[in-house]
Amino acid sequence: MAEKTENRGKILLKWEVMEFEKYQRTFMWYFLMGGGALALFVYAIWTLNFLFAIIIVIIATIVIIHERRDPDRLLFKIMEDGIQLDETFIPFKEVKKFWLVYEPPEVKNLYFDLKRTFRPELSIPLINTNPVLVRRLLLRYLQEDLTKQDISADDQMGRILKV
């Protein structure tokens, strides 16, 4: 049942997650986002702020490229010595706490508070993984943050803007 990988201990639990959530966007979303980008671009040209205009064009290009791309499937593992998302391994000593937000069918997420300056929070969708089993496994190695009961601000903004 538990596999051994490199020097990171046994794999206690694993499941596949999508790299990002692909939202179904309506014509109105495209209209509002395109109109907003166009308005900002016109404002930047009108105020002779060409750097801002270039930044708007770059951001719009990134959004268009991102929209056309399908998310990759990533393998998430809980191991004896840490967690691993695809090829990125994070030892438990670099994780402060974890918490679960489980309100099916809309929200089923596992969060990690990392000891990092950049990207201090990691969000992992549980999909069909048993949250009780995940919690029981993680409590062996990490402290649970019972004060957090909502999805992160990043996830909330992503759901609102569908980006």
N, C-alpha and C. Protein backbone atom coordinates (compact mmCIF):
# COMPACT_ATOMS: atom_id res chain seq x y z
N MET A 1 0.82 -1.19 0.00
CA MET A 1 0.00 0.00 0.00
C MET A 1 0.86 1.25 0.00
N ALA A 2 1.78 1.41 0.94
CA ALA A 2 2.64 2.59 0.98
C ALA A 2 3.92 2.31 0.20
N GLU A 3 4.19 3.16 -0.78
CA GLU A 3 5.38 3.01 -1.61
C GLU A 3 6.54 3.79 -0.99
N LYS A 4 7.75 3.41 -1.33
CA LYS A 4 8.94 4.11 -0.85
C LYS A 4 9.50 4.91 -2.02
N THR A 5 9.82 6.19 -1.81
CA THR A 5 10.43 6.99 -2.86
C THR A 5 11.66 7.70 -2.33
N GLU A 6 12.75 7.56 -3.04
CA GLU A 6 14.03 8.19 -2.73
C GLU A 6 14.29 8.15 -1.23
N ASN A 7 14.67 9.28 -0.65
CA ASN A 7 14.95 9.33 0.80
C ASN A 7 13.89 10.14 1.53
N ARG A 8 12.70 10.11 1.03
CA ARG A 8 11.64 10.94 1.60
C ARG A 8 10.62 10.12 2.37
N GLY A 9 10.87 8.87 2.56
CA GLY A 9 9.95 8.03 3.29
C GLY A 9 8.86 7.45 2.41
N LYS A 10 7.94 6.79 3.06
CA LYS A 10 6.85 6.12 2.35
C LYS A 10 5.80 7.14 1.90
N ILE A 11 5.14 6.81 0.80
CA ILE A 11 4.00 7.59 0.35
C ILE A 11 2.80 7.09 1.14
N LEU A 12 2.21 7.97 1.94
CA LEU A 12 1.08 7.59 2.77
C LEU A 12 -0.26 7.75 2.05
N LEU A 13 -0.33 8.76 1.18
CA LEU A 13 -1.56 9.02 0.45
C LEU A 13 -1.21 9.85 -0.78
N LYS A 14 -1.88 9.58 -1.89
CA LYS A 14 -1.62 10.37 -3.10
C LYS A 14 -2.90 10.47 -3.91
N TRP A 15 -3.01 11.58 -4.66
CA TRP A 15 -4.11 11.77 -5.58
C TRP A 15 -3.70 12.80 -6.63
N GLU A 16 -4.44 12.79 -7.74
CA GLU A 16 -4.16 13.72 -8.83
C GLU A 16 -4.99 14.99 -8.65
N VAL A 17 -4.34 16.13 -8.92
CA VAL A 17 -5.02 17.42 -8.90
C VAL A 17 -4.75 18.13 -10.23
N MET A 18 -5.60 19.07 -10.56
CA MET A 18 -5.39 19.87 -11.76
C MET A 18 -4.50 21.05 -11.38
N GLU A 19 -3.66 21.46 -12.33
CA GLU A 19 -2.72 22.56 -12.11
C GLU A 19 -3.45 23.85 -11.70
N PHE A 20 -4.58 24.10 -12.31
CA PHE A 20 -5.42 25.25 -11.96
C PHE A 20 -6.84 24.90 -12.35
N GLU A 21 -7.79 25.64 -11.78
CA GLU A 21 -9.19 25.40 -12.10
C GLU A 21 -9.56 26.13 -13.38
N LYS A 22 -10.10 25.40 -14.32
CA LYS A 22 -10.52 25.97 -15.61
C LYS A 22 -12.00 26.32 -15.50
N TYR A 23 -12.29 27.62 -15.53
CA TYR A 23 -13.66 28.09 -15.38
C TYR A 23 -14.36 28.19 -16.74
N GLN A 24 -15.66 28.01 -16.73
CA GLN A 24 -16.48 28.28 -17.91
C GLN A 24 -16.81 29.76 -17.86
N ARG A 25 -16.35 30.49 -18.85
CA ARG A 25 -16.56 31.93 -18.88
C ARG A 25 -17.62 32.27 -19.91
N THR A 26 -18.45 33.23 -19.55
CA THR A 26 -19.52 33.66 -20.45
C THR A 26 -19.02 34.78 -21.35
N PHE A 27 -19.85 35.12 -22.35
CA PHE A 27 -19.54 36.24 -23.22
C PHE A 27 -19.40 37.52 -22.40
N MET A 28 -20.24 37.68 -21.38
CA MET A 28 -20.20 38.88 -20.54
C MET A 28 -18.84 39.02 -19.85
N TRP A 29 -18.26 37.91 -19.39
CA TRP A 29 -16.95 37.95 -18.75
C TRP A 29 -15.91 38.49 -19.73
N TYR A 30 -15.91 37.95 -20.94
CA TYR A 30 -14.95 38.41 -21.95
C TYR A 30 -15.19 39.87 -22.30
N PHE A 31 -16.46 40.26 -22.40
CA PHE A 31 -16.80 41.64 -22.72
C PHE A 31 -16.31 42.60 -21.64
N LEU A 32 -16.57 42.26 -20.37
CA LEU A 32 -16.15 43.13 -19.26
C LEU A 32 -14.64 43.20 -19.13
N MET A 33 -13.97 42.06 -19.20
CA MET A 33 -12.50 42.05 -19.08
C MET A 33 -11.84 42.74 -20.26
N GLY A 34 -12.34 42.48 -21.46
CA GLY A 34 -11.79 43.14 -22.65
C GLY A 34 -12.04 44.63 -22.62
N GLY A 35 -13.26 45.02 -22.22
CA GLY A 35 -13.59 46.44 -22.10
C GLY A 35 -12.74 47.13 -21.04
N GLY A 36 -12.54 46.47 -19.92
CA GLY A 36 -11.70 47.04 -18.86
C GLY A 36 -10.26 47.21 -19.32
N ALA A 37 -9.73 46.21 -20.00
CA ALA A 37 -8.35 46.30 -20.51
C ALA A 37 -8.24 47.41 -21.54
N LEU A 38 -9.23 47.50 -22.41
CA LEU A 38 -9.21 48.56 -23.44
C LEU A 38 -9.30 49.94 -22.80
N ALA A 39 -10.16 50.09 -21.80
CA ALA A 39 -10.29 51.38 -21.10
C ALA A 39 -8.98 51.76 -20.42
N LEU A 40 -8.34 50.81 -19.76
CA LEU A 40 -7.04 51.10 -19.12
C LEU A 40 -5.98 51.45 -20.15
N PHE A 41 -6.00 50.75 -21.28
CA PHE A 41 -5.03 51.02 -22.35
C PHE A 41 -5.23 52.44 -22.90
N VAL A 42 -6.49 52.81 -23.17
CA VAL A 42 -6.78 54.16 -23.69
C VAL A 42 -6.37 55.22 -22.65
N TYR A 43 -6.66 54.97 -21.38
CA TYR A 43 -6.26 55.90 -20.32
C TYR A 43 -4.74 56.05 -20.28
N ALA A 44 -4.03 54.95 -20.40
CA ALA A 44 -2.56 55.00 -20.37
C ALA A 44 -2.01 55.81 -21.53
N ILE A 45 -2.57 55.64 -22.72
CA ILE A 45 -2.13 56.41 -23.89
C ILE A 45 -2.49 57.89 -23.72
N TRP A 46 -3.70 58.15 -23.23
CA TRP A 46 -4.16 59.52 -23.04
C TRP A 46 -3.29 60.29 -22.05
N THR A 47 -2.81 59.59 -20.99
CA THR A 47 -1.96 60.23 -19.99
C THR A 47 -0.47 60.11 -20.34
N LEU A 48 -0.19 59.60 -21.53
CA LEU A 48 1.18 59.41 -22.02
C LEU A 48 2.01 58.49 -21.12
N ASN A 49 1.34 57.56 -20.49
CA ASN A 49 2.02 56.58 -19.63
C ASN A 49 2.20 55.30 -20.45
N PHE A 50 3.24 55.32 -21.29
CA PHE A 50 3.45 54.22 -22.23
C PHE A 50 3.87 52.92 -21.55
N LEU A 51 4.57 53.04 -20.43
CA LEU A 51 4.95 51.84 -19.69
C LEU A 51 3.70 51.11 -19.19
N PHE A 52 2.75 51.86 -18.67
CA PHE A 52 1.49 51.26 -18.22
C PHE A 52 0.75 50.61 -19.39
N ALA A 53 0.75 51.26 -20.54
CA ALA A 53 0.11 50.70 -21.74
C ALA A 53 0.75 49.37 -22.13
N ILE A 54 2.08 49.32 -22.07
CA ILE A 54 2.80 48.07 -22.40
C ILE A 54 2.45 46.98 -21.38
N ILE A 55 2.36 47.36 -20.10
CA ILE A 55 2.01 46.38 -19.06
C ILE A 55 0.60 45.83 -19.30
N ILE A 56 -0.35 46.68 -19.69
CA ILE A 56 -1.71 46.23 -19.98
C ILE A 56 -1.71 45.23 -21.13
N VAL A 57 -0.95 45.53 -22.19
CA VAL A 57 -0.85 44.63 -23.34
C VAL A 57 -0.24 43.29 -22.93
N ILE A 58 0.81 43.32 -22.11
CA ILE A 58 1.47 42.09 -21.65
C ILE A 58 0.50 41.25 -20.81
N ILE A 59 -0.21 41.89 -19.88
CA ILE A 59 -1.16 41.16 -19.02
C ILE A 59 -2.28 40.56 -19.87
N ALA A 60 -2.81 41.32 -20.82
CA ALA A 60 -3.87 40.80 -21.69
C ALA A 60 -3.37 39.60 -22.50
N THR A 61 -2.14 39.69 -22.99
CA THR A 61 -1.55 38.57 -23.74
C THR A 61 -1.41 37.33 -22.87
N ILE A 62 -0.95 37.52 -21.63
CA ILE A 62 -0.79 36.39 -20.70
C ILE A 62 -2.15 35.75 -20.41
N VAL A 63 -3.17 36.57 -20.20
CA VAL A 63 -4.52 36.03 -19.92
C VAL A 63 -5.04 35.24 -21.11
N ILE A 64 -4.83 35.75 -22.31
CA ILE A 64 -5.30 35.05 -23.52
C ILE A 64 -4.58 33.72 -23.69
N ILE A 65 -3.26 33.71 -23.50
CA ILE A 65 -2.48 32.47 -23.60
C ILE A 65 -2.92 31.48 -22.53
N HIS A 66 -3.11 31.96 -21.32
CA HIS A 66 -3.53 31.11 -20.20
C HIS A 66 -4.93 30.53 -20.46
N GLU A 67 -5.80 31.32 -21.05
CA GLU A 67 -7.17 30.88 -21.33
C GLU A 67 -7.20 29.73 -22.33
N ARG A 68 -6.30 29.74 -23.29
CA ARG A 68 -6.29 28.71 -24.34
C ARG A 68 -5.64 27.41 -23.89
N ARG A 69 -4.96 27.45 -22.77
CA ARG A 69 -4.20 26.31 -22.28
C ARG A 69 -5.04 25.46 -21.34
N ASP A 70 -4.94 24.15 -21.47
CA ASP A 70 -5.60 23.24 -20.54
C ASP A 70 -4.66 22.96 -19.36
N PRO A 71 -5.23 22.80 -18.16
CA PRO A 71 -4.38 22.54 -17.00
C PRO A 71 -3.75 21.15 -17.06
N ASP A 72 -2.53 21.05 -16.55
CA ASP A 72 -1.85 19.76 -16.45
C ASP A 72 -2.36 19.02 -15.23
N ARG A 73 -2.23 17.71 -15.27
CA ARG A 73 -2.55 16.88 -14.10
C ARG A 73 -1.27 16.74 -13.28
N LEU A 74 -1.37 17.04 -11.98
CA LEU A 74 -0.22 16.95 -11.08
C LEU A 74 -0.51 15.91 -10.02
N LEU A 75 0.51 15.20 -9.59
CA LEU A 75 0.36 14.19 -8.55
C LEU A 75 0.74 14.81 -7.21
N PHE A 76 -0.18 14.79 -6.26
CA PHE A 76 0.08 15.29 -4.91
C PHE A 76 0.26 14.10 -3.98
N LYS A 77 1.31 14.15 -3.15
CA LYS A 77 1.59 13.04 -2.23
C LYS A 77 1.80 13.55 -0.82
N ILE A 78 1.25 12.84 0.13
CA ILE A 78 1.59 13.04 1.54
C ILE A 78 2.54 11.91 1.88
N MET A 79 3.75 12.28 2.32
CA MET A 79 4.79 11.29 2.59
C MET A 79 5.22 11.38 4.05
N GLU A 80 6.04 10.46 4.48
CA GLU A 80 6.50 10.45 5.87
C GLU A 80 7.33 11.68 6.22
N ASP A 81 8.04 12.23 5.24
CA ASP A 81 8.94 13.35 5.52
C ASP A 81 8.44 14.69 5.02
N GLY A 82 7.30 14.72 4.31
CA GLY A 82 6.80 15.98 3.78
C GLY A 82 5.70 15.77 2.78
N ILE A 83 5.45 16.81 2.01
CA ILE A 83 4.44 16.75 0.97
C ILE A 83 5.12 17.01 -0.37
N GLN A 84 4.54 16.48 -1.42
CA GLN A 84 5.12 16.65 -2.75
C GLN A 84 4.01 16.94 -3.75
N LEU A 85 4.20 18.03 -4.50
CA LEU A 85 3.30 18.39 -5.58
C LEU A 85 4.08 18.28 -6.87
N ASP A 86 3.78 17.24 -7.63
CA ASP A 86 4.50 16.91 -8.85
C ASP A 86 5.97 16.69 -8.50
N GLU A 87 6.87 17.54 -8.93
CA GLU A 87 8.31 17.35 -8.65
C GLU A 87 8.79 18.19 -7.46
N THR A 88 7.93 19.04 -6.91
CA THR A 88 8.33 19.93 -5.81
C THR A 88 8.06 19.26 -4.47
N PHE A 89 9.13 19.02 -3.72
CA PHE A 89 9.01 18.41 -2.40
C PHE A 89 9.15 19.48 -1.33
N ILE A 90 8.25 19.46 -0.35
CA ILE A 90 8.29 20.40 0.77
C ILE A 90 8.35 19.59 2.06
N PRO A 91 9.49 19.62 2.76
CA PRO A 91 9.58 18.88 4.02
C PRO A 91 8.64 19.47 5.08
N PHE A 92 8.20 18.65 6.01
CA PHE A 92 7.28 19.11 7.04
C PHE A 92 7.87 20.25 7.87
N LYS A 93 9.20 20.31 8.00
CA LYS A 93 9.81 21.38 8.80
C LYS A 93 9.63 22.76 8.14
N GLU A 94 9.25 22.79 6.84
CA GLU A 94 9.00 24.05 6.14
C GLU A 94 7.51 24.41 6.10
N VAL A 95 6.70 23.63 6.81
CA VAL A 95 5.25 23.87 6.86
C VAL A 95 4.88 24.25 8.29
N LYS A 96 4.22 25.41 8.45
CA LYS A 96 3.80 25.84 9.79
C LYS A 96 2.59 25.05 10.26
N LYS A 97 1.51 25.12 9.46
CA LYS A 97 0.23 24.51 9.84
C LYS A 97 -0.51 24.07 8.59
N PHE A 98 -1.59 23.36 8.79
CA PHE A 98 -2.50 23.01 7.70
C PHE A 98 -3.92 23.22 8.19
N TRP A 99 -4.85 23.34 7.25
CA TRP A 99 -6.27 23.35 7.57
C TRP A 99 -7.07 22.86 6.37
N LEU A 100 -8.26 22.40 6.68
CA LEU A 100 -9.17 21.89 5.65
C LEU A 100 -10.40 22.77 5.57
N VAL A 101 -10.85 23.03 4.36
CA VAL A 101 -12.13 23.68 4.14
C VAL A 101 -12.93 22.69 3.30
N TYR A 102 -13.95 22.13 3.92
CA TYR A 102 -14.72 21.08 3.25
C TYR A 102 -16.20 21.44 3.30
N GLU A 103 -16.68 22.00 2.20
CA GLU A 103 -18.09 22.36 2.05
C GLU A 103 -18.55 21.88 0.68
N PRO A 104 -18.71 20.55 0.52
CA PRO A 104 -19.07 20.02 -0.80
C PRO A 104 -20.42 20.53 -1.26
N PRO A 105 -20.65 20.62 -2.54
CA PRO A 105 -19.78 20.21 -3.64
C PRO A 105 -18.83 21.31 -4.11
N GLU A 106 -19.00 22.54 -3.61
CA GLU A 106 -18.23 23.66 -4.16
C GLU A 106 -16.80 23.72 -3.66
N VAL A 107 -16.58 23.56 -2.37
CA VAL A 107 -15.24 23.75 -1.80
C VAL A 107 -14.80 22.48 -1.09
N LYS A 108 -13.68 21.93 -1.55
CA LYS A 108 -13.05 20.77 -0.91
C LYS A 108 -11.54 20.98 -1.03
N ASN A 109 -10.97 21.80 -0.14
CA ASN A 109 -9.56 22.17 -0.26
C ASN A 109 -8.77 21.87 1.01
N LEU A 110 -7.50 21.59 0.78
CA LEU A 110 -6.51 21.40 1.83
C LEU A 110 -5.52 22.54 1.68
N TYR A 111 -5.25 23.25 2.78
CA TYR A 111 -4.34 24.39 2.74
C TYR A 111 -3.13 24.12 3.64
N PHE A 112 -1.99 24.62 3.18
CA PHE A 112 -0.76 24.55 3.97
C PHE A 112 -0.23 25.97 4.14
N ASP A 113 0.12 26.32 5.37
CA ASP A 113 0.76 27.59 5.66
C ASP A 113 2.27 27.31 5.69
N LEU A 114 2.97 27.82 4.68
CA LEU A 114 4.39 27.51 4.51
C LEU A 114 5.27 28.60 5.12
N LYS A 115 6.47 28.23 5.50
CA LYS A 115 7.44 29.17 6.06
C LYS A 115 8.24 29.80 4.92
N ARG A 116 7.53 30.44 4.00
CA ARG A 116 8.15 31.07 2.84
C ARG A 116 7.67 32.51 2.75
N THR A 117 8.53 33.35 2.19
CA THR A 117 8.14 34.75 1.98
C THR A 117 7.26 34.87 0.75
N PHE A 118 7.66 34.23 -0.33
CA PHE A 118 6.87 34.25 -1.54
C PHE A 118 6.02 33.00 -1.60
N ARG A 119 4.76 33.18 -1.90
CA ARG A 119 3.79 32.08 -1.95
C ARG A 119 3.74 31.32 -0.64
N PRO A 120 3.35 32.01 0.43
CA PRO A 120 3.35 31.37 1.75
C PRO A 120 2.21 30.39 1.98
N GLU A 121 1.26 30.31 1.04
CA GLU A 121 0.11 29.42 1.20
C GLU A 121 0.00 28.49 0.00
N LEU A 122 -0.24 27.23 0.27
CA LEU A 122 -0.42 26.24 -0.79
C LEU A 122 -1.82 25.66 -0.66
N SER A 123 -2.57 25.69 -1.76
CA SER A 123 -3.93 25.17 -1.79
C SER A 123 -3.98 23.93 -2.66
N ILE A 124 -4.50 22.84 -2.10
CA ILE A 124 -4.61 21.57 -2.82
C ILE A 124 -6.07 21.13 -2.82
N PRO A 125 -6.69 20.96 -4.00
CA PRO A 125 -8.06 20.45 -4.05
C PRO A 125 -8.10 18.98 -3.60
N LEU A 126 -9.06 18.66 -2.76
CA LEU A 126 -9.19 17.28 -2.29
C LEU A 126 -9.86 16.38 -3.32
N ILE A 127 -10.65 16.94 -4.19
CA ILE A 127 -11.40 16.23 -5.21
C ILE A 127 -12.25 15.15 -4.52
N ASN A 128 -11.93 13.88 -4.66
CA ASN A 128 -12.71 12.81 -4.02
C ASN A 128 -11.97 12.14 -2.89
N THR A 129 -10.91 12.75 -2.41
CA THR A 129 -10.11 12.18 -1.32
C THR A 129 -10.83 12.40 0.01
N ASN A 130 -10.80 11.40 0.86
CA ASN A 130 -11.46 11.45 2.16
C ASN A 130 -10.77 12.47 3.07
N PRO A 131 -11.46 13.57 3.45
CA PRO A 131 -10.83 14.59 4.28
C PRO A 131 -10.49 14.11 5.69
N VAL A 132 -11.23 13.16 6.20
CA VAL A 132 -10.96 12.62 7.54
C VAL A 132 -9.62 11.87 7.52
N LEU A 133 -9.37 11.09 6.48
CA LEU A 133 -8.12 10.37 6.35
C LEU A 133 -6.95 11.33 6.18
N VAL A 134 -7.13 12.36 5.36
CA VAL A 134 -6.08 13.36 5.14
C VAL A 134 -5.74 14.04 6.46
N ARG A 135 -6.75 14.46 7.19
CA ARG A 135 -6.54 15.14 8.47
C ARG A 135 -5.81 14.24 9.47
N ARG A 136 -6.25 12.99 9.55
CA ARG A 136 -5.63 12.03 10.48
C ARG A 136 -4.15 11.83 10.15
N LEU A 137 -3.82 11.71 8.86
CA LEU A 137 -2.43 11.54 8.45
C LEU A 137 -1.58 12.77 8.77
N LEU A 138 -2.11 13.94 8.44
CA LEU A 138 -1.34 15.17 8.64
C LEU A 138 -1.15 15.52 10.11
N LEU A 139 -2.11 15.15 10.96
CA LEU A 139 -1.97 15.44 12.39
C LEU A 139 -0.79 14.72 13.03
N ARG A 140 -0.31 13.66 12.40
CA ARG A 140 0.89 12.97 12.90
C ARG A 140 2.13 13.85 12.78
N TYR A 141 2.12 14.78 11.81
CA TYR A 141 3.33 15.53 11.47
C TYR A 141 3.19 17.04 11.63
N LEU A 142 1.96 17.55 11.56
CA LEU A 142 1.75 19.00 11.54
C LEU A 142 0.66 19.41 12.51
N GLN A 143 0.67 20.69 12.84
CA GLN A 143 -0.38 21.25 13.67
C GLN A 143 -1.50 21.76 12.78
N GLU A 144 -2.74 21.53 13.19
CA GLU A 144 -3.88 22.01 12.42
C GLU A 144 -4.30 23.39 12.91
N ASP A 145 -4.59 24.29 11.99
CA ASP A 145 -5.06 25.63 12.33
C ASP A 145 -6.58 25.60 12.32
N LEU A 146 -7.17 25.52 13.51
CA LEU A 146 -8.63 25.42 13.63
C LEU A 146 -9.31 26.78 13.53
N THR A 147 -8.53 27.87 13.51
CA THR A 147 -9.12 29.20 13.42
C THR A 147 -9.54 29.55 12.00
N LYS A 148 -8.93 28.91 11.02
CA LYS A 148 -9.24 29.20 9.62
C LYS A 148 -10.31 28.24 9.13
N GLN A 149 -11.42 28.82 8.67
CA GLN A 149 -12.54 27.99 8.23
C GLN A 149 -13.03 28.35 6.84
N ASP A 150 -12.41 29.36 6.23
CA ASP A 150 -12.84 29.81 4.90
C ASP A 150 -11.73 29.59 3.89
N ILE A 151 -12.11 29.63 2.61
CA ILE A 151 -11.10 29.50 1.57
C ILE A 151 -10.21 30.74 1.59
N SER A 152 -9.00 30.60 1.06
CA SER A 152 -8.05 31.70 1.10
C SER A 152 -8.53 32.87 0.23
N ALA A 153 -7.98 34.05 0.49
CA ALA A 153 -8.34 35.25 -0.28
C ALA A 153 -8.01 35.05 -1.76
N ASP A 154 -6.88 34.38 -2.05
CA ASP A 154 -6.51 34.11 -3.45
C ASP A 154 -7.56 33.25 -4.14
N ASP A 155 -7.99 32.18 -3.47
CA ASP A 155 -9.00 31.30 -4.05
C ASP A 155 -10.34 32.03 -4.21
N GLN A 156 -10.69 32.86 -3.23
CA GLN A 156 -11.94 33.61 -3.31
C GLN A 156 -11.92 34.57 -4.49
N MET A 157 -10.80 35.29 -4.66
CA MET A 157 -10.68 36.24 -5.77
C MET A 157 -10.71 35.49 -7.11
N GLY A 158 -10.05 34.34 -7.18
CA GLY A 158 -10.07 33.54 -8.38
C GLY A 158 -11.47 33.09 -8.76
N ARG A 159 -12.26 32.72 -7.75
CA ARG A 159 -13.64 32.29 -8.01
C ARG A 159 -14.50 33.45 -8.50
N ILE A 160 -14.28 34.64 -7.92
CA ILE A 160 -15.08 35.80 -8.30
C ILE A 160 -14.74 36.24 -9.72
N LEU A 161 -13.43 36.39 -9.99
CA LEU A 161 -13.00 36.89 -11.31
C LEU A 161 -12.90 35.79 -12.35
N LYS A 162 -12.94 34.53 -11.91
CA LYS A 162 -12.81 33.37 -12.79
C LYS A 162 -11.50 33.42 -13.59
N VAL A 163 -10.42 33.69 -12.85
CA VAL A 163 -9.09 33.70 -13.49
C VAL A 163 -8.22 32.62 -12.90
